Amino acid sequence: MKQFAKGKITDRINAVADPMYPAYIIRGGKKNLMIDAGINLMGPLYLKEIGDLLGGTEALDYLFLTHSHYDHLGAMPYLKRNIPGLAVGGSPIITDILKKDTVLIKMGYLSDLQRGMLPEIAGNEDVSIEAVAMDPALKDGDECDLGDCRCVVYETPGHTRDSLSFFVPEYGALFPGEAAGVPMGAEGREVHPEFLSSFDLYVVSLKKLINLRPEIICVGHGLVYCGDDAPKYLEDSLDATYRYRELLENYLKSCRGDVDRAIEHMTAKEYDEKGAMYQERSAYVINLTAQFREIARMKGAV
């Protein structure tokens, strides 16, 4: 079974805000945890829906981040400013990344590209992205006790160096961010691979997630997969990753190893013509550039 990442998923798990940038809230017996915080422009909407769901924003205890991309942590500083005592956890690498002014400027730029589509949400509020230290700094094997369930941390690099996935074994629920790719198409029947920092580590991470045998997969964008569709999504993602590598290699070969030309040709065909991606175009091109460079590196072309 598949559903859009919005509203009730189980009695204890909800997706808030927009399916394009869902934040997942797990209500434990004693503590409440939110996973990811989309783009900064969504901050006020997250805050409102957190309050509506939990009976007050102060009831949110933790916000854990799957990785350092602007569309997964963008609203985190806004929420940190507006929820006193909120503990923000993620890879310690994120702390160092957010110290770089160039990174914050780039995140702000990518977010502002979407301001025209979301003017009624952010309004005139300060949703700026700023440096925040990860506390707790999370690593593989860490567990967060929510009362009647646990959130277990798995390091799943490959999409980014700092990628983490979160698993709640009591519910069989997995929150992989983009470590398992993202759905493609209106019905999410295909998976778009998202290895940006390392193809090999991305595959290792996917196999780690497959071995967890999740019953629910709350993907970083678009959809939630339940029942038999959950393990199938991960298997399809692994298969798609190998096919996607071959596709990139073919584009690179047709462009005689010219990475820039390969990016241009593939963007025109796979993004502009097919139009099946849950992603803003500029972000797609940035990610595609990283993927081509990784494939070129593996082939010894760079």
Protein backbone atom coordinates (compact mmCIF):
# COMPACT_ATOMS: atom_id res chain seq x y z
CA MET A 1 0.00 0.00 0.00
CA LYS A 2 1.16 3.53 -0.81
CA GLN A 3 -0.10 6.86 0.43
CA PHE A 4 0.96 10.46 0.14
CA ALA A 5 3.20 11.62 2.97
CA LYS A 6 0.48 13.62 4.66
CA GLY A 7 -1.69 13.06 7.74
CA LYS A 8 -2.11 9.84 9.71
CA ILE A 9 0.19 6.94 8.86
CA THR A 10 -0.40 4.92 12.03
CA ASP A 11 -1.92 5.75 15.41
CA ARG A 12 1.51 7.03 16.49
CA ILE A 13 3.06 8.32 13.27
CA ASN A 14 1.90 11.36 11.30
CA ALA A 15 3.29 13.32 8.37
CA VAL A 16 2.84 17.08 8.64
CA ALA A 17 2.97 19.94 6.11
CA ASP A 18 3.34 19.14 2.41
CA PRO A 19 4.07 15.69 0.90
CA MET A 20 6.88 17.27 -1.13
CA TYR A 21 8.62 18.23 2.13
CA PRO A 22 7.11 16.01 4.81
CA ALA A 23 8.16 16.07 8.43
CA TYR A 24 7.32 12.88 10.30
CA ILE A 25 6.21 13.01 13.91
CA ILE A 26 6.40 9.96 16.17
CA ARG A 27 4.38 10.25 19.36
CA GLY A 28 5.91 8.10 22.06
CA GLY A 29 4.60 7.25 25.49
CA LYS A 30 6.83 9.89 27.11
CA LYS A 31 8.58 11.86 24.36
CA ASN A 32 7.77 13.09 20.87
CA LEU A 33 10.17 13.06 17.95
CA MET A 34 10.08 14.82 14.57
CA ILE A 35 12.21 13.62 11.66
CA ASP A 36 13.43 16.20 9.11
CA ALA A 37 12.30 19.78 8.62
CA GLY A 38 12.03 20.51 4.89
CA ILE A 39 12.76 23.88 3.33
CA ASN A 40 12.88 26.98 5.50
CA LEU A 41 9.78 28.49 3.87
CA MET A 42 7.69 25.68 5.37
CA GLY A 43 8.71 26.61 8.94
CA PRO A 44 5.48 28.36 9.99
CA LEU A 45 3.35 25.54 8.60
CA TYR A 46 5.40 22.91 10.43
CA LEU A 47 5.06 24.90 13.64
CA LYS A 48 1.28 25.17 13.30
CA GLU A 49 0.76 21.50 12.50
CA ILE A 50 3.10 20.41 15.32
CA GLY A 51 0.98 22.40 17.74
CA ASP A 52 -2.27 21.05 16.31
CA LEU A 53 -1.10 17.44 16.49
CA LEU A 54 0.60 17.52 19.88
CA GLY A 55 -1.64 20.01 21.65
CA GLY A 56 1.14 22.60 21.79
CA THR A 57 4.52 23.07 20.16
CA GLU A 58 6.33 22.68 23.49
CA ALA A 59 5.35 18.99 23.41
CA LEU A 60 7.90 18.32 20.68
CA ASP A 61 11.05 17.06 22.43
CA TYR A 62 13.38 16.06 19.57
CA LEU A 63 14.04 16.94 15.96
CA PHE A 64 16.35 14.50 14.17
CA LEU A 65 17.82 15.22 10.73
CA THR A 66 18.54 12.59 8.10
CA HIS A 67 21.16 14.75 6.35
CA SER A 68 22.43 18.24 5.65
CA HIS A 69 20.51 19.25 2.51
CA TYR A 70 18.47 22.46 2.57
CA ASP A 71 15.22 20.60 1.84
CA HIS A 72 15.62 18.38 4.92
CA LEU A 73 16.92 20.83 7.54
CA GLY A 74 15.89 24.22 6.16
CA ALA A 75 13.16 24.90 8.73
CA MET A 76 15.18 23.50 11.61
CA PRO A 77 16.66 26.86 12.77
CA TYR A 78 13.17 28.45 12.67
CA LEU A 79 11.74 25.63 14.79
CA LYS A 80 14.70 25.80 17.16
CA ARG A 81 14.06 29.52 17.65
CA ASN A 82 10.35 29.00 18.26
CA ILE A 83 10.35 25.88 20.44
CA PRO A 84 12.40 26.44 23.61
CA GLY A 85 14.18 23.30 24.75
CA LEU A 86 13.92 21.51 21.39
CA ALA A 87 16.86 19.10 21.02
CA VAL A 88 18.17 18.90 17.45
CA GLY A 89 20.06 15.72 16.59
CA GLY A 90 21.99 14.69 13.51
CA SER A 91 25.40 13.70 12.25
CA PRO A 92 28.18 15.81 13.81
CA ILE A 93 29.26 16.55 10.22
CA ILE A 94 26.17 18.79 9.91
CA THR A 95 27.48 21.05 12.68
CA ASP A 96 30.64 21.72 10.69
CA ILE A 97 28.78 22.17 7.40
CA LEU A 98 26.45 24.80 8.85
CA LYS A 99 29.39 26.86 10.05
CA LYS A 100 30.22 27.73 6.43
CA ASP A 101 28.72 31.00 5.20
CA THR A 102 28.88 29.79 1.60
CA VAL A 103 26.68 26.81 2.50
CA LEU A 104 24.08 28.96 4.28
CA ILE A 105 23.96 31.36 1.31
CA LYS A 106 23.48 28.46 -1.12
CA MET A 107 20.70 26.97 1.02
CA GLY A 108 18.94 30.31 1.18
CA TYR A 109 19.22 30.74 -2.57
CA LEU A 110 17.75 27.30 -3.35
CA SER A 111 14.92 27.89 -0.91
CA ASP A 112 14.08 31.33 -2.31
CA LEU A 113 13.64 29.82 -5.77
CA GLN A 114 10.42 28.34 -4.39
CA ARG A 115 9.14 31.43 -2.58
CA GLY A 116 6.76 32.24 -5.40
CA MET A 117 5.02 28.89 -4.92
CA LEU A 118 4.74 29.24 -1.13
CA PRO A 119 4.12 32.97 -0.41
CA GLU A 120 1.21 32.39 1.94
CA ILE A 121 3.23 30.14 4.26
CA ALA A 122 6.36 32.10 5.15
CA GLY A 123 4.88 35.56 4.79
CA ASN A 124 7.19 38.12 6.40
CA GLU A 125 8.46 35.82 9.14
CA ASP A 126 12.18 35.30 9.69
CA VAL A 127 12.77 31.82 8.28
CA SER A 128 16.49 32.33 7.69
CA ILE A 129 18.81 29.35 7.92
CA GLU A 130 21.58 29.73 10.48
CA ALA A 131 24.22 27.59 12.14
CA VAL A 132 22.94 25.20 14.80
CA ALA A 133 25.07 22.58 16.55
CA MET A 134 23.79 19.01 16.56
CA ASP A 135 23.01 18.11 20.16
CA PRO A 136 22.76 15.20 20.42
CA ALA A 137 25.39 14.36 17.81
CA LEU A 138 24.16 11.03 16.51
CA LYS A 139 26.10 7.97 15.39
CA ASP A 140 25.41 4.41 14.30
CA GLY A 141 23.72 2.35 17.01
CA ASP A 142 22.46 5.25 19.12
CA GLU A 143 18.95 4.86 20.50
CA CYS A 144 16.42 7.46 21.60
CA ASP A 145 13.89 6.24 24.15
CA LEU A 146 10.45 7.71 23.50
CA GLY A 147 8.74 5.78 26.28
CA ASP A 148 7.04 2.83 24.65
CA CYS A 149 9.24 2.74 21.54
CA ARG A 150 12.80 3.44 20.46
CA CYS A 151 14.32 5.32 17.57
CA VAL A 152 17.49 3.53 16.46
CA VAL A 153 20.12 5.40 14.45
CA TYR A 154 21.82 3.89 11.40
CA GLU A 155 24.61 5.57 9.50
CA THR A 156 23.73 5.24 5.81
CA PRO A 157 26.24 7.31 3.80
CA GLY A 158 26.25 7.49 0.03
CA HIS A 159 23.57 10.09 -0.63
CA THR A 160 25.67 12.41 1.53
CA ARG A 161 28.55 11.77 3.88
CA ASP A 162 26.31 12.62 6.84
CA SER A 163 23.24 10.58 5.89
CA LEU A 164 21.44 8.89 8.78
CA SER A 165 18.39 6.64 8.72
CA PHE A 166 16.07 6.13 11.68
CA PHE A 167 14.22 2.92 12.52
CA VAL A 168 11.50 2.36 15.11
CA PRO A 169 11.54 -1.43 15.56
CA GLU A 170 8.36 -1.54 17.66
CA TYR A 171 6.43 -0.21 14.65
CA GLY A 172 8.66 -1.57 11.90
CA ALA A 173 8.92 2.01 10.64
CA LEU A 174 11.93 3.25 8.67
CA PHE A 175 12.80 6.90 7.95
CA PRO A 176 15.65 6.82 5.41
CA GLY A 177 15.65 10.40 4.15
CA GLU A 178 17.09 9.94 0.66
CA ALA A 179 19.39 7.03 1.51
CA ALA A 180 16.89 4.80 -0.34
CA GLY A 181 16.18 7.17 -3.22
CA VAL A 182 12.93 9.02 -3.90
CA PRO A 183 9.73 8.00 -5.73
CA MET A 184 9.21 8.97 -9.35
CA GLY A 185 5.96 9.48 -11.22
CA ALA A 186 2.47 10.31 -10.04
CA GLU A 187 1.98 6.86 -8.48
CA GLY A 188 5.54 6.34 -7.24
CA ARG A 189 6.06 3.16 -9.22
CA GLU A 190 9.69 3.95 -9.96
CA VAL A 191 12.59 4.99 -7.75
CA HIS A 192 15.14 7.67 -8.54
CA PRO A 193 18.55 6.78 -7.02
CA GLU A 194 20.21 9.50 -4.97
CA PHE A 195 23.88 8.59 -4.58
CA LEU A 196 25.75 11.89 -4.52
CA SER A 197 28.85 11.32 -2.41
CA SER A 198 29.57 7.63 -3.08
CA PHE A 199 27.96 4.98 -5.29
CA ASP A 200 29.56 2.10 -3.39
CA LEU A 201 28.56 3.35 0.06
CA TYR A 202 25.04 4.09 -1.21
CA VAL A 203 24.67 0.43 -2.25
CA VAL A 204 26.05 -0.81 1.09
CA SER A 205 23.62 1.46 2.93
CA LEU A 206 20.66 0.26 0.87
CA LYS A 207 21.52 -3.35 1.67
CA LYS A 208 21.69 -2.44 5.37
CA LEU A 209 18.19 -0.98 5.17
CA ILE A 210 16.86 -4.02 3.29
CA ASN A 211 18.12 -6.24 6.12
CA LEU A 212 15.96 -4.31 8.61
CA ARG A 213 12.85 -5.67 6.85
CA PRO A 214 10.72 -2.58 7.54
CA GLU A 215 6.93 -2.72 7.38
CA ILE A 216 6.60 1.03 6.83
CA ILE A 217 8.94 3.30 4.88
CA CYS A 218 8.46 7.05 5.28
CA VAL A 219 10.42 8.37 2.33
CA GLY A 220 12.01 11.81 2.38
CA HIS A 221 9.76 13.13 -0.39
CA GLY A 222 6.34 12.24 -1.68
CA LEU A 223 5.11 8.90 -0.45
CA VAL A 224 4.89 6.38 2.38
CA TYR A 225 5.07 2.65 1.61
CA CYS A 226 3.38 0.09 3.86
CA GLY A 227 2.91 -3.67 3.99
CA ASP A 228 4.35 -5.62 1.07
CA ASP A 229 5.13 -2.38 -0.75
CA ALA A 230 7.74 -1.45 1.88
CA PRO A 231 10.34 -4.17 1.24
CA LYS A 232 9.52 -4.03 -2.47
CA TYR A 233 10.39 -0.32 -2.52
CA LEU A 234 13.86 -1.04 -1.14
CA GLU A 235 14.49 -3.91 -3.55
CA ASP A 236 13.28 -1.77 -6.45
CA SER A 237 15.56 1.02 -5.25
CA LEU A 238 18.61 -1.26 -5.29
CA ASP A 239 17.79 -2.53 -8.78
CA ALA A 240 17.18 1.03 -9.98
CA THR A 241 20.55 2.13 -8.61
CA TYR A 242 22.47 -0.30 -10.80
CA ARG A 243 20.35 0.61 -13.85
CA TYR A 244 20.83 4.31 -13.15
CA ARG A 245 24.59 3.93 -13.00
CA GLU A 246 24.46 2.31 -16.43
CA LEU A 247 22.27 5.17 -17.73
CA LEU A 248 24.77 7.76 -16.51
CA GLU A 249 27.63 5.82 -18.07
CA ASN A 250 25.78 5.72 -21.40
CA TYR A 251 25.17 9.47 -21.37
CA LEU A 252 28.81 10.05 -20.49
CA LYS A 253 29.92 7.74 -23.28
CA SER A 254 27.64 9.41 -25.85
CA CYS A 255 29.15 12.77 -24.86
CA ARG A 256 32.70 11.37 -25.13
CA GLY A 257 33.38 11.86 -21.45
CA ASP A 258 32.31 15.51 -21.39
CA VAL A 259 30.53 15.77 -18.03
CA ASP A 260 28.99 19.19 -18.72
CA ARG A 261 27.45 18.05 -22.01
CA ALA A 262 26.20 14.85 -20.39
CA ILE A 263 24.48 16.88 -17.64
CA GLU A 264 22.84 19.13 -20.22
CA HIS A 265 21.60 16.26 -22.39
CA MET A 266 20.33 14.16 -19.51
CA THR A 267 18.53 17.07 -17.86
CA ALA A 268 16.72 17.85 -21.10
CA LYS A 269 15.66 14.24 -21.61
CA GLU A 270 15.07 12.85 -18.13
CA TYR A 271 13.82 15.96 -16.30
CA ASP A 272 12.37 18.40 -18.83
CA GLU A 273 10.83 15.87 -21.20
CA LYS A 274 9.66 13.18 -18.77
CA GLY A 275 8.68 15.53 -15.93
CA ALA A 276 8.42 12.74 -13.35
CA MET A 277 10.71 14.06 -10.62
CA TYR A 278 9.59 15.28 -7.16
CA GLN A 279 12.35 17.91 -7.21
CA GLU A 280 12.97 21.55 -8.14
CA ARG A 281 14.99 21.81 -11.37
CA SER A 282 18.02 23.66 -9.99
CA ALA A 283 18.37 21.11 -7.18
CA TYR A 284 18.05 18.29 -9.74
CA VAL A 285 20.91 19.72 -11.79
CA ILE A 286 23.11 20.14 -8.71
CA ASN A 287 22.50 16.54 -7.69
CA LEU A 288 22.97 15.23 -11.23
CA THR A 289 26.30 17.03 -11.43
CA ALA A 290 27.47 15.26 -8.27
CA GLN A 291 26.32 11.91 -9.66
CA PHE A 292 28.13 12.34 -12.97
CA ARG A 293 31.30 13.36 -11.16
CA GLU A 294 31.05 10.25 -8.99
CA ILE A 295 30.60 7.99 -12.01
CA ALA A 296 33.43 9.74 -13.85
CA ARG A 297 35.64 9.28 -10.77
CA MET A 298 34.83 5.59 -10.65
CA LYS A 299 35.75 5.24 -14.32
CA GLY A 300 38.99 7.11 -13.74
CA ALA A 301 37.94 10.01 -15.96
CA VAL A 302 38.55 12.66 -13.29
